[in-house]
Amino acid sequence: MLAILLVTLGMNCTCLASQAGKMFNEADKKQNVAYQQALSGITDAKQRELFVESERVWVKSCRTHGSCLPVALPFANPVLR
């Protein structure tokens, strides 16, 4: 019985992880489109450079913290940071 329960839980986790992955990919695509739209609207070279550099800093922070939540929501739960 325990083995069946563990297999069932494992399947549900896999399904949830797969769904989360799909949701992430969809959100990532939307974010990339928004970024490109914003970038294309910046005509001043210095402002464009600052915009691109801020994106690099944000990505580095995401990778360092394992999540972009602390950057997006600095008031978020400290446990998540």
C-alpha atoms as a PDB file:
ATOM      1  CA  MET A   1       0.000   0.000   0.000  1.00  0.00           C
ATOM      2  CA  LEU A   2       2.799   2.408   0.893  1.00  0.00           C
ATOM      3  CA  ALA A   3       4.536   1.661  -2.401  1.00  0.00           C
ATOM      4  CA  ILE A   4       1.380   2.533  -4.335  1.00  0.00           C
ATOM      5  CA  LEU A   5       1.023   5.762  -2.392  1.00  0.00           C
ATOM      6  CA  LEU A   6       4.641   6.724  -3.049  1.00  0.00           C
ATOM      7  CA  VAL A   7       4.327   5.957  -6.766  1.00  0.00           C
ATOM      8  CA  THR A   8       1.101   7.982  -6.939  1.00  0.00           C
ATOM      9  CA  LEU A   9       2.701  10.915  -5.127  1.00  0.00           C
ATOM     10  CA  GLY A  10       5.703  10.701  -7.397  1.00  0.00           C
ATOM     11  CA  MET A  11       3.503  10.802 -10.480  1.00  0.00           C
ATOM     12  CA  ASN A  12       1.619  13.798  -9.127  1.00  0.00           C
ATOM     13  CA  CYS A  13       4.877  15.596  -8.373  1.00  0.00           C
ATOM     14  CA  THR A  14       6.134  14.881 -11.872  1.00  0.00           C
ATOM     15  CA  CYS A  15       2.900  16.154 -13.349  1.00  0.00           C
ATOM     16  CA  LEU A  16       3.028  19.304 -11.224  1.00  0.00           C
ATOM     17  CA  ALA A  17       6.686  19.869 -12.082  1.00  0.00           C
ATOM     18  CA  SER A  18       5.883  19.481 -15.759  1.00  0.00           C
ATOM     19  CA  GLN A  19       3.037  21.975 -15.492  1.00  0.00           C
ATOM     20  CA  ALA A  20       5.255  24.395 -13.557  1.00  0.00           C
ATOM     21  CA  GLY A  21       7.893  24.082 -16.280  1.00  0.00           C
ATOM     22  CA  LYS A  22       5.336  24.903 -18.951  1.00  0.00           C
ATOM     23  CA  MET A  23       4.105  27.895 -16.977  1.00  0.00           C
ATOM     24  CA  PHE A  24       7.686  29.092 -16.487  1.00  0.00           C
ATOM     25  CA  ASN A  25       8.454  28.786 -20.199  1.00  0.00           C
ATOM     26  CA  GLU A  26       5.301  30.718 -21.119  1.00  0.00           C
ATOM     27  CA  ALA A  27       6.108  33.470 -18.615  1.00  0.00           C
ATOM     28  CA  ASP A  28       9.713  33.576 -19.831  1.00  0.00           C
ATOM     29  CA  LYS A  29       8.577  34.036 -23.436  1.00  0.00           C
ATOM     30  CA  LYS A  30       6.247  36.880 -22.422  1.00  0.00           C
ATOM     31  CA  GLN A  31       9.018  38.503 -20.416  1.00  0.00           C
ATOM     32  CA  ASN A  32      11.423  38.258 -23.347  1.00  0.00           C
ATOM     33  CA  VAL A  33       8.876  39.886 -25.663  1.00  0.00           C
ATOM     34  CA  ALA A  34       8.292  42.701 -23.164  1.00  0.00           C
ATOM     35  CA  TYR A  35      12.052  43.183 -22.739  1.00  0.00           C
ATOM     36  CA  GLN A  36      12.618  43.403 -26.494  1.00  0.00           C
ATOM     37  CA  GLN A  37       9.726  45.843 -26.868  1.00  0.00           C
ATOM     38  CA  ALA A  38      11.100  48.029 -24.093  1.00  0.00           C
ATOM     39  CA  LEU A  39      14.613  47.854 -25.511  1.00  0.00           C
ATOM     40  CA  SER A  40      13.447  48.766 -29.011  1.00  0.00           C
ATOM     41  CA  GLY A  41      11.780  51.882 -27.609  1.00  0.00           C
ATOM     42  CA  ILE A  42      15.020  53.254 -26.159  1.00  0.00           C
ATOM     43  CA  THR A  43      16.768  55.396 -28.739  1.00  0.00           C
ATOM     44  CA  ASP A  44      19.363  57.101 -26.552  1.00  0.00           C
ATOM     45  CA  ALA A  45      22.571  55.014 -26.561  1.00  0.00           C
ATOM     46  CA  LYS A  46      23.424  55.717 -22.911  1.00  0.00           C
ATOM     47  CA  GLN A  47      19.905  54.901 -21.712  1.00  0.00           C
ATOM     48  CA  ARG A  48      19.942  51.703 -23.770  1.00  0.00           C
ATOM     49  CA  GLU A  49      23.296  50.719 -22.245  1.00  0.00           C
ATOM     50  CA  LEU A  50      21.943  51.348 -18.720  1.00  0.00           C
ATOM     51  CA  PHE A  51      18.832  49.323 -19.476  1.00  0.00           C
ATOM     52  CA  VAL A  52      20.838  46.354 -20.770  1.00  0.00           C
ATOM     53  CA  GLU A  53      23.250  46.540 -17.806  1.00  0.00           C
ATOM     54  CA  SER A  54      20.346  46.577 -15.329  1.00  0.00           C
ATOM     55  CA  GLU A  55      19.021  43.419 -16.979  1.00  0.00           C
ATOM     56  CA  ARG A  56      22.432  41.762 -16.580  1.00  0.00           C
ATOM     57  CA  VAL A  57      22.520  42.682 -12.891  1.00  0.00           C
ATOM     58  CA  TRP A  58      18.987  41.323 -12.429  1.00  0.00           C
ATOM     59  CA  VAL A  59      19.847  38.017 -14.156  1.00  0.00           C
ATOM     60  CA  LYS A  60      23.024  37.676 -12.062  1.00  0.00           C
ATOM     61  CA  SER A  61      21.007  38.285  -8.900  1.00  0.00           C
ATOM     62  CA  CYS A  62      18.460  35.671  -9.961  1.00  0.00           C
ATOM     63  CA  ARG A  63      21.192  33.117 -10.510  1.00  0.00           C
ATOM     64  CA  THR A  64      22.945  34.008  -7.253  1.00  0.00           C
ATOM     65  CA  HIS A  65      19.793  33.739  -5.146  1.00  0.00           C
ATOM     66  CA  GLY A  66      18.232  30.899  -7.122  1.00  0.00           C
ATOM     67  CA  SER A  67      15.105  32.978  -7.540  1.00  0.00           C
ATOM     68  CA  CYS A  68      14.116  36.324  -8.951  1.00  0.00           C
ATOM     69  CA  LEU A  69      11.554  36.878  -6.221  1.00  0.00           C
ATOM     70  CA  PRO A  70      13.847  38.886  -3.903  1.00  0.00           C
ATOM     71  CA  VAL A  71      14.660  41.232  -6.763  1.00  0.00           C
ATOM     72  CA  ALA A  72      11.065  41.628  -7.874  1.00  0.00           C
ATOM     73  CA  LEU A  73       9.694  41.797  -4.333  1.00  0.00           C
ATOM     74  CA  PRO A  74      12.321  43.097  -1.917  1.00  0.00           C
ATOM     75  CA  PHE A  75       9.766  42.895   0.913  1.00  0.00           C
ATOM     76  CA  ALA A  76       9.254  39.160   0.312  1.00  0.00           C
ATOM     77  CA  ASN A  77       9.732  36.550   3.007  1.00  0.00           C
ATOM     78  CA  PRO A  78      13.446  36.563   3.989  1.00  0.00           C
ATOM     79  CA  VAL A  79      13.435  32.764   3.975  1.00  0.00           C
ATOM     80  CA  LEU A  80      12.956  32.902   0.205  1.00  0.00           C
ATOM     81  CA  ARG A  81      15.920  35.206  -0.323  1.00  0.00           C
END
